Amino acid sequence: MLTQREAAAACGVSRSTIRRRREAGDLPGAVSDETRGWLIPVGDLLAAGFRLDTPASPDATAERNGATGWGVT
């Protein structure tokens, strides 16, 4: 199980892409955890057509950098 952030990073997409696909029902095994937020089964990601360890697109990288503070140090 991966958080939405972890799933996005592993698949090379933005968190909003994972969220939209979850909300559309494409990730049916996703569960909400009080501590970690939404948890996505790896099998659901693969079934939905995502590939793990895919390089992030420039848009996804920019979103992660702005959203998490992972910028240039």
C-alpha atoms as a PDB file:
ATOM      1  CA  MET A   1       0.000   0.000   0.000  1.00  0.00           C
ATOM      2  CA  LEU A   2       1.341   3.405  -0.978  1.00  0.00           C
ATOM      3  CA  THR A   3       0.193   6.863   0.034  1.00  0.00           C
ATOM      4  CA  GLN A   4      -1.049   9.051  -2.801  1.00  0.00           C
ATOM      5  CA  ARG A   5       2.262  10.932  -2.682  1.00  0.00           C
ATOM      6  CA  GLU A   6       4.273   7.696  -2.813  1.00  0.00           C
ATOM      7  CA  ALA A   7       2.082   6.314  -5.612  1.00  0.00           C
ATOM      8  CA  ALA A   8       2.518   9.492  -7.650  1.00  0.00           C
ATOM      9  CA  ALA A   9       6.292   9.442  -7.191  1.00  0.00           C
ATOM     10  CA  ALA A  10       6.517   5.725  -8.029  1.00  0.00           C
ATOM     11  CA  CYS A  11       4.431   6.157 -11.183  1.00  0.00           C
ATOM     12  CA  GLY A  12       5.948   9.442 -12.352  1.00  0.00           C
ATOM     13  CA  VAL A  13       2.657  11.354 -12.231  1.00  0.00           C
ATOM     14  CA  SER A  14       1.260  14.150 -10.093  1.00  0.00           C
ATOM     15  CA  ARG A  15      -0.644  13.588  -6.863  1.00  0.00           C
ATOM     16  CA  SER A  16      -3.681  15.152  -8.498  1.00  0.00           C
ATOM     17  CA  THR A  17      -3.596  12.451 -11.200  1.00  0.00           C
ATOM     18  CA  ILE A  18      -3.664   9.742  -8.528  1.00  0.00           C
ATOM     19  CA  ARG A  19      -6.428  11.589  -6.649  1.00  0.00           C
ATOM     20  CA  ARG A  20      -8.548  12.002  -9.800  1.00  0.00           C
ATOM     21  CA  ARG A  21      -8.154   8.339 -10.732  1.00  0.00           C
ATOM     22  CA  ARG A  22      -9.060   7.318  -7.156  1.00  0.00           C
ATOM     23  CA  GLU A  23     -12.139   9.558  -7.203  1.00  0.00           C
ATOM     24  CA  ALA A  24     -13.141   8.139 -10.603  1.00  0.00           C
ATOM     25  CA  GLY A  25     -13.134   4.632  -9.125  1.00  0.00           C
ATOM     26  CA  ASP A  26     -10.069   3.431 -11.035  1.00  0.00           C
ATOM     27  CA  LEU A  27      -8.323   2.463  -7.773  1.00  0.00           C
ATOM     28  CA  PRO A  28     -11.083   0.477  -6.018  1.00  0.00           C
ATOM     29  CA  GLY A  29      -8.906  -0.924  -3.239  1.00  0.00           C
ATOM     30  CA  ALA A  30      -7.880   2.517  -1.984  1.00  0.00           C
ATOM     31  CA  VAL A  31      -8.632   3.036   1.692  1.00  0.00           C
ATOM     32  CA  SER A  32      -8.472   6.082   3.920  1.00  0.00           C
ATOM     33  CA  ASP A  33      -6.148   5.821   6.914  1.00  0.00           C
ATOM     34  CA  GLU A  34      -6.406   8.324   9.776  1.00  0.00           C
ATOM     35  CA  THR A  35      -2.627   8.669  10.011  1.00  0.00           C
ATOM     36  CA  ARG A  36      -1.343   8.300   6.447  1.00  0.00           C
ATOM     37  CA  GLY A  37      -4.296   9.522   4.382  1.00  0.00           C
ATOM     38  CA  TRP A  38      -5.348   7.557   1.303  1.00  0.00           C
ATOM     39  CA  LEU A  39      -3.515   4.282   0.757  1.00  0.00           C
ATOM     40  CA  ILE A  40      -3.393   2.814  -2.729  1.00  0.00           C
ATOM     41  CA  PRO A  41      -2.700  -0.877  -3.415  1.00  0.00           C
ATOM     42  CA  VAL A  42       0.128  -1.405  -5.911  1.00  0.00           C
ATOM     43  CA  GLY A  43      -2.068  -3.921  -7.733  1.00  0.00           C
ATOM     44  CA  ASP A  44      -4.694  -1.225  -8.313  1.00  0.00           C
ATOM     45  CA  LEU A  45      -2.075   1.086  -9.811  1.00  0.00           C
ATOM     46  CA  LEU A  46      -0.917  -1.633 -12.197  1.00  0.00           C
ATOM     47  CA  ALA A  47      -4.509  -2.605 -13.103  1.00  0.00           C
ATOM     48  CA  ALA A  48      -5.272   1.060 -13.853  1.00  0.00           C
ATOM     49  CA  GLY A  49      -2.397   1.146 -16.356  1.00  0.00           C
ATOM     50  CA  PHE A  50       0.227   2.897 -14.276  1.00  0.00           C
ATOM     51  CA  ARG A  51       3.811   1.679 -14.423  1.00  0.00           C
ATOM     52  CA  LEU A  52       6.043   1.802 -11.380  1.00  0.00           C
ATOM     53  CA  ASP A  53       9.422   3.541 -11.479  1.00  0.00           C
ATOM     54  CA  THR A  54       8.401   5.698 -14.413  1.00  0.00           C
ATOM     55  CA  PRO A  55      10.373   8.948 -14.656  1.00  0.00           C
ATOM     56  CA  ALA A  56       8.293  11.918 -13.575  1.00  0.00           C
ATOM     57  CA  SER A  57       6.997  14.353 -16.161  1.00  0.00           C
ATOM     58  CA  PRO A  58       8.146  17.977 -15.788  1.00  0.00           C
ATOM     59  CA  ASP A  59       4.665  18.953 -14.521  1.00  0.00           C
ATOM     60  CA  ALA A  60       4.655  16.244 -11.857  1.00  0.00           C
ATOM     61  CA  THR A  61       8.165  17.180 -10.767  1.00  0.00           C
ATOM     62  CA  ALA A  62       7.213  20.853 -10.477  1.00  0.00           C
ATOM     63  CA  GLU A  63       4.102  19.989  -8.453  1.00  0.00           C
ATOM     64  CA  ARG A  64       6.091  17.837  -6.041  1.00  0.00           C
ATOM     65  CA  ASN A  65       8.801  20.456  -5.647  1.00  0.00           C
ATOM     66  CA  GLY A  66       6.298  23.188  -4.878  1.00  0.00           C
ATOM     67  CA  ALA A  67       4.032  21.075  -2.721  1.00  0.00           C
ATOM     68  CA  THR A  68       6.673  19.487  -0.546  1.00  0.00           C
ATOM     69  CA  GLY A  69       9.499  21.957  -0.500  1.00  0.00           C
ATOM     70  CA  TRP A  70      11.823  19.523  -2.258  1.00  0.00           C
ATOM     71  CA  GLY A  71      13.659  22.250  -4.060  1.00  0.00           C
ATOM     72  CA  VAL A  72      17.221  23.010  -4.814  1.00  0.00           C
ATOM     73  CA  THR A  73      19.204  23.247  -1.597  1.00  0.00           C
END
